[in-house]
Amino acid sequence: MKLRRAIVVLMSAQGQPAPDIAHLLKTSQDYVRDVIHAFNERGFDALDPKRGRGRTETDR
């Protein structure tokens, strides 16, 4: 979710540590750290959820 990823980045920018963000959002610390690292590398493009994880047309 784009909103959830944006909340992670905002809370991090406000100085909240990853464990606290994970607890408040009821998610893993790994997810929080992945979002923060992706944002630091790619900027706002990192807020878009990853697409294309489903089956391809040839798999169906």
PDB file of N, CA and C in Angstrom:
ATOM      1  N   MET A   1       0.829  -1.185   0.000  1.00  0.00           N
ATOM      2  CA  MET A   1       0.000   0.000   0.000  1.00  0.00           C
ATOM      3  C   MET A   1       0.874   1.249   0.000  1.00  0.00           C
ATOM      4  N   LYS A   2       0.502   2.142  -0.862  1.00  0.00           N
ATOM      5  CA  LYS A   2       1.275   3.373  -0.989  1.00  0.00           C
ATOM      6  C   LYS A   2       1.183   4.216   0.293  1.00  0.00           C
ATOM      7  N   LEU A   3       0.007   4.282   0.884  1.00  0.00           N
ATOM      8  CA  LEU A   3      -0.180   5.085   2.100  1.00  0.00           C
ATOM      9  C   LEU A   3       0.669   4.544   3.249  1.00  0.00           C
ATOM     10  N   ARG A   4       0.664   3.242   3.416  1.00  0.00           N
ATOM     11  CA  ARG A   4       1.439   2.637   4.505  1.00  0.00           C
ATOM     12  C   ARG A   4       2.930   2.928   4.333  1.00  0.00           C
ATOM     13  N   ARG A   5       3.420   2.822   3.099  1.00  0.00           N
ATOM     14  CA  ARG A   5       4.833   3.095   2.834  1.00  0.00           C
ATOM     15  C   ARG A   5       5.145   4.572   3.110  1.00  0.00           C
ATOM     16  N   ALA A   6       4.225   5.458   2.749  1.00  0.00           N
ATOM     17  CA  ALA A   6       4.417   6.890   3.001  1.00  0.00           C
ATOM     18  C   ALA A   6       4.449   7.178   4.505  1.00  0.00           C
ATOM     19  N   ILE A   7       3.608   6.499   5.260  1.00  0.00           N
ATOM     20  CA  ILE A   7       3.591   6.678   6.718  1.00  0.00           C
ATOM     21  C   ILE A   7       4.927   6.241   7.315  1.00  0.00           C
ATOM     22  N   VAL A   8       5.457   5.128   6.824  1.00  0.00           N
ATOM     23  CA  VAL A   8       6.762   4.648   7.304  1.00  0.00           C
ATOM     24  C   VAL A   8       7.829   5.715   7.072  1.00  0.00           C
ATOM     25  N   VAL A   9       7.860   6.266   5.861  1.00  0.00           N
ATOM     26  CA  VAL A   9       8.870   7.277   5.530  1.00  0.00           C
ATOM     27  C   VAL A   9       8.680   8.528   6.383  1.00  0.00           C
ATOM     28  N   LEU A  10       7.455   8.967   6.555  1.00  0.00           N
ATOM     29  CA  LEU A  10       7.180  10.166   7.352  1.00  0.00           C
ATOM     30  C   LEU A  10       7.603   9.966   8.808  1.00  0.00           C
ATOM     31  N   MET A  11       7.241   8.836   9.373  1.00  0.00           N
ATOM     32  CA  MET A  11       7.611   8.581  10.767  1.00  0.00           C
ATOM     33  C   MET A  11       9.130   8.503  10.922  1.00  0.00           C
ATOM     34  N   SER A  12       9.787   7.902   9.947  1.00  0.00           N
ATOM     35  CA  SER A  12      11.243   7.825   9.991  1.00  0.00           C
ATOM     36  C   SER A  12      11.859   9.222   9.919  1.00  0.00           C
ATOM     37  N   ALA A  13      11.312  10.051   9.047  1.00  0.00           N
ATOM     38  CA  ALA A  13      11.818  11.424   8.916  1.00  0.00           C
ATOM     39  C   ALA A  13      11.619  12.224  10.196  1.00  0.00           C
ATOM     40  N   GLN A  14      10.617  11.848  10.977  1.00  0.00           N
ATOM     41  CA  GLN A  14      10.361  12.523  12.249  1.00  0.00           C
ATOM     42  C   GLN A  14      11.212  11.962  13.387  1.00  0.00           C
ATOM     43  N   GLY A  15      12.065  10.990  13.057  1.00  0.00           N
ATOM     44  CA  GLY A  15      12.988  10.468  14.054  1.00  0.00           C
ATOM     45  C   GLY A  15      12.535   9.229  14.791  1.00  0.00           C
ATOM     46  N   GLN A  16      11.419   8.636  14.382  1.00  0.00           N
ATOM     47  CA  GLN A  16      10.954   7.419  15.043  1.00  0.00           C
ATOM     48  C   GLN A  16      11.838   6.247  14.640  1.00  0.00           C
ATOM     49  N   PRO A  17      12.272   5.435  15.579  1.00  0.00           N
ATOM     50  CA  PRO A  17      13.087   4.265  15.235  1.00  0.00           C
ATOM     51  C   PRO A  17      12.242   3.169  14.571  1.00  0.00           C
ATOM     52  N   ALA A  18      12.882   2.353  13.759  1.00  0.00           N
ATOM     53  CA  ALA A  18      12.192   1.299  13.008  1.00  0.00           C
ATOM     54  C   ALA A  18      11.364   0.364  13.904  1.00  0.00           C
ATOM     55  N   PRO A  19      11.865  -0.066  15.066  1.00  0.00           N
ATOM     56  CA  PRO A  19      11.041  -0.949  15.901  1.00  0.00           C
ATOM     57  C   PRO A  19       9.724  -0.293  16.350  1.00  0.00           C
ATOM     58  N   ASP A  20       9.776   0.990  16.651  1.00  0.00           N
ATOM     59  CA  ASP A  20       8.558   1.694  17.067  1.00  0.00           C
ATOM     60  C   ASP A  20       7.573   1.825  15.904  1.00  0.00           C
ATOM     61  N   ILE A  21       8.086   2.128  14.719  1.00  0.00           N
ATOM     62  CA  ILE A  21       7.226   2.241  13.534  1.00  0.00           C
ATOM     63  C   ILE A  21       6.569   0.894  13.257  1.00  0.00           C
ATOM     64  N   ALA A  22       7.353  -0.162  13.310  1.00  0.00           N
ATOM     65  CA  ALA A  22       6.824  -1.503  13.055  1.00  0.00           C
ATOM     66  C   ALA A  22       5.733  -1.860  14.060  1.00  0.00           C
ATOM     67  N   HIS A  23       5.961  -1.541  15.305  1.00  0.00           N
ATOM     68  CA  HIS A  23       4.966  -1.843  16.339  1.00  0.00           C
ATOM     69  C   HIS A  23       3.671  -1.067  16.095  1.00  0.00           C
ATOM     70  N   LEU A  24       3.777   0.206  15.822  1.00  0.00           N
ATOM     71  CA  LEU A  24       2.583   1.033  15.611  1.00  0.00           C
ATOM     72  C   LEU A  24       1.789   0.614  14.378  1.00  0.00           C
ATOM     73  N   LEU A  25       2.489   0.176  13.335  1.00  0.00           N
ATOM     74  CA  LEU A  25       1.816  -0.222  12.095  1.00  0.00           C
ATOM     75  C   LEU A  25       1.521  -1.722  12.045  1.00  0.00           C
ATOM     76  N   LYS A  26       1.890  -2.428  13.119  1.00  0.00           N
ATOM     77  CA  LYS A  26       1.667  -3.871  13.199  1.00  0.00           C
ATOM     78  C   LYS A  26       2.255  -4.597  11.987  1.00  0.00           C
ATOM     79  N   THR A  27       3.520  -4.326  11.756  1.00  0.00           N
ATOM     80  CA  THR A  27       4.259  -4.951  10.666  1.00  0.00           C
ATOM     81  C   THR A  27       5.652  -5.311  11.160  1.00  0.00           C
ATOM     82  N   SER A  28       6.459  -5.887  10.302  1.00  0.00           N
ATOM     83  CA  SER A  28       7.789  -6.305  10.733  1.00  0.00           C
ATOM     84  C   SER A  28       8.802  -5.166  10.626  1.00  0.00           C
ATOM     85  N   GLN A  29       9.839  -5.274  11.422  1.00  0.00           N
ATOM     86  CA  GLN A  29      10.924  -4.301  11.347  1.00  0.00           C
ATOM     87  C   GLN A  29      11.633  -4.397  10.001  1.00  0.00           C
ATOM     88  N   ASP A  30      11.715  -5.602   9.453  1.00  0.00           N
ATOM     89  CA  ASP A  30      12.336  -5.773   8.134  1.00  0.00           C
ATOM     90  C   ASP A  30      11.582  -4.995   7.070  1.00  0.00           C
ATOM     91  N   TYR A  31      10.236  -5.035   7.104  1.00  0.00           N
ATOM     92  CA  TYR A  31       9.433  -4.279   6.147  1.00  0.00           C
ATOM     93  C   TYR A  31       9.732  -2.787   6.274  1.00  0.00           C
ATOM     94  N   VAL A  32       9.756  -2.292   7.495  1.00  0.00           N
ATOM     95  CA  VAL A  32      10.011  -0.874   7.738  1.00  0.00           C
ATOM     96  C   VAL A  32      11.394  -0.487   7.205  1.00  0.00           C
ATOM     97  N   ARG A  33      12.381  -1.277   7.502  1.00  0.00           N
ATOM     98  CA  ARG A  33      13.738  -0.974   7.027  1.00  0.00           C
ATOM     99  C   ARG A  33      13.829  -1.045   5.507  1.00  0.00           C
ATOM    100  N   ASP A  34      13.150  -2.020   4.907  1.00  0.00           N
ATOM    101  CA  ASP A  34      13.142  -2.130   3.440  1.00  0.00           C
ATOM    102  C   ASP A  34      12.534  -0.889   2.800  1.00  0.00           C
ATOM    103  N   VAL A  35      11.437  -0.402   3.357  1.00  0.00           N
ATOM    104  CA  VAL A  35      10.787   0.795   2.823  1.00  0.00           C
ATOM    105  C   VAL A  35      11.707   2.008   2.953  1.00  0.00           C
ATOM    106  N   ILE A  36      12.334   2.159   4.093  1.00  0.00           N
ATOM    107  CA  ILE A  36      13.229   3.300   4.324  1.00  0.00           C
ATOM    108  C   ILE A  36      14.424   3.248   3.379  1.00  0.00           C
ATOM    109  N   HIS A  37      15.020   2.080   3.235  1.00  0.00           N
ATOM    110  CA  HIS A  37      16.171   1.947   2.326  1.00  0.00           C
ATOM    111  C   HIS A  37      15.759   2.213   0.882  1.00  0.00           C
ATOM    112  N   ALA A  38      14.613   1.692   0.476  1.00  0.00           N
ATOM    113  CA  ALA A  38      14.132   1.916  -0.891  1.00  0.00           C
ATOM    114  C   ALA A  38      13.884   3.398  -1.135  1.00  0.00           C
ATOM    115  N   PHE A  39      13.308   4.078  -0.144  1.00  0.00           N
ATOM    116  CA  PHE A  39      13.052   5.511  -0.295  1.00  0.00           C
ATOM    117  C   PHE A  39      14.367   6.280  -0.394  1.00  0.00           C
ATOM    118  N   ASN A  40      15.337   5.901   0.405  1.00  0.00           N
ATOM    119  CA  ASN A  40      16.631   6.581   0.348  1.00  0.00           C
ATOM    120  C   ASN A  40      17.324   6.385  -0.993  1.00  0.00           C
ATOM    121  N   GLU A  41      17.107   5.236  -1.618  1.00  0.00           N
ATOM    122  CA  GLU A  41      17.731   4.943  -2.908  1.00  0.00           C
ATOM    123  C   GLU A  41      16.972   5.532  -4.093  1.00  0.00           C
ATOM    124  N   ARG A  42      15.634   5.422  -4.070  1.00  0.00           N
ATOM    125  CA  ARG A  42      14.837   5.778  -5.254  1.00  0.00           C
ATOM    126  C   ARG A  42      13.923   6.978  -5.072  1.00  0.00           C
ATOM    127  N   GLY A  43      13.850   7.521  -3.868  1.00  0.00           N
ATOM    128  CA  GLY A  43      12.972   8.662  -3.627  1.00  0.00           C
ATOM    129  C   GLY A  43      11.502   8.260  -3.670  1.00  0.00           C
ATOM    130  N   PHE A  44      10.659   9.163  -4.141  1.00  0.00           N
ATOM    131  CA  PHE A  44       9.214   8.950  -4.111  1.00  0.00           C
ATOM    132  C   PHE A  44       8.756   7.781  -4.969  1.00  0.00           C
ATOM    133  N   ASP A  45       9.551   7.368  -5.943  1.00  0.00           N
ATOM    134  CA  ASP A  45       9.197   6.191  -6.742  1.00  0.00           C
ATOM    135  C   ASP A  45       9.101   4.943  -5.866  1.00  0.00           C
ATOM    136  N   ALA A  46       9.805   4.928  -4.766  1.00  0.00           N
ATOM    137  CA  ALA A  46       9.795   3.773  -3.869  1.00  0.00           C
ATOM    138  C   ALA A  46       8.471   3.617  -3.130  1.00  0.00           C
ATOM    139  N   LEU A  47       7.632   4.641  -3.154  1.00  0.00           N
ATOM    140  CA  LEU A  47       6.350   4.539  -2.465  1.00  0.00           C
ATOM    141  C   LEU A  47       5.344   3.696  -3.239  1.00  0.00           C
ATOM    142  N   ASP A  48       5.541   3.543  -4.545  1.00  0.00           N
ATOM    143  CA  ASP A  48       4.639   2.725  -5.341  1.00  0.00           C
ATOM    144  C   ASP A  48       4.881   1.260  -5.030  1.00  0.00           C
ATOM    145  N   PRO A  49       3.800   0.517  -4.804  1.00  0.00           N
ATOM    146  CA  PRO A  49       3.986  -0.914  -4.539  1.00  0.00           C
ATOM    147  C   PRO A  49       4.566  -1.617  -5.762  1.00  0.00           C
ATOM    148  N   LYS A  50       5.273  -2.679  -5.510  1.00  0.00           N
ATOM    149  CA  LYS A  50       5.874  -3.435  -6.611  1.00  0.00           C
ATOM    150  C   LYS A  50       4.773  -4.113  -7.412  1.00  0.00           C
ATOM    151  N   ARG A  51       4.899  -4.066  -8.702  1.00  0.00           N
ATOM    152  CA  ARG A  51       3.908  -4.680  -9.584  1.00  0.00           C
ATOM    153  C   ARG A  51       4.536  -5.883 -10.284  1.00  0.00           C
ATOM    154  N   GLY A  52       3.702  -6.694 -10.873  1.00  0.00           N
ATOM    155  CA  GLY A  52       4.174  -7.775 -11.708  1.00  0.00           C
ATOM    156  C   GLY A  52       4.627  -9.022 -10.972  1.00  0.00           C
ATOM    157  N   ARG A  53       4.144  -9.223  -9.783  1.00  0.00           N
ATOM    158  CA  ARG A  53       4.539 -10.422  -9.041  1.00  0.00           C
ATOM    159  C   ARG A  53       3.635 -11.608  -9.347  1.00  0.00           C
ATOM    160  N   GLY A  54       2.537 -11.355 -10.041  1.00  0.00           N
ATOM    161  CA  GLY A  54       1.609 -12.439 -10.352  1.00  0.00           C
ATOM    162  C   GLY A  54       2.097 -13.293 -11.494  1.00  0.00           C
ATOM    163  N   ARG A  55       1.254 -14.238 -11.875  1.00  0.00           N
ATOM    164  CA  ARG A  55       1.610 -15.130 -12.980  1.00  0.00           C
ATOM    165  C   ARG A  55       1.629 -14.355 -14.297  1.00  0.00           C
ATOM    166  N   THR A  56       2.509 -14.783 -15.157  1.00  0.00           N
ATOM    167  CA  THR A  56       2.560 -14.163 -16.491  1.00  0.00           C
ATOM    168  C   THR A  56       1.508 -14.793 -17.376  1.00  0.00           C
ATOM    169  N   GLU A  57       1.273 -14.218 -18.511  1.00  0.00           N
ATOM    170  CA  GLU A  57       0.289 -14.713 -19.466  1.00  0.00           C
ATOM    171  C   GLU A  57       0.618 -16.142 -19.909  1.00  0.00           C
ATOM    172  N   THR A  58       1.886 -16.475 -20.027  1.00  0.00           N
ATOM    173  CA  THR A  58       2.276 -17.824 -20.453  1.00  0.00           C
ATOM    174  C   THR A  58       2.121 -18.857 -19.352  1.00  0.00           C
ATOM    175  N   ASP A  59       2.043 -18.417 -18.095  1.00  0.00           N
ATOM    176  CA  ASP A  59       1.852 -19.346 -16.977  1.00  0.00           C
ATOM    177  C   ASP A  59       0.410 -19.788 -16.829  1.00  0.00           C
ATOM    178  N   ARG A  60      -0.501 -19.085 -17.434  1.00  0.00           N
ATOM    179  CA  ARG A  60      -1.936 -19.362 -17.246  1.00  0.00           C
ATOM    180  C   ARG A  60      -2.440 -20.449 -18.120  1.00  0.00           C
TER     181      ARG A  60
END
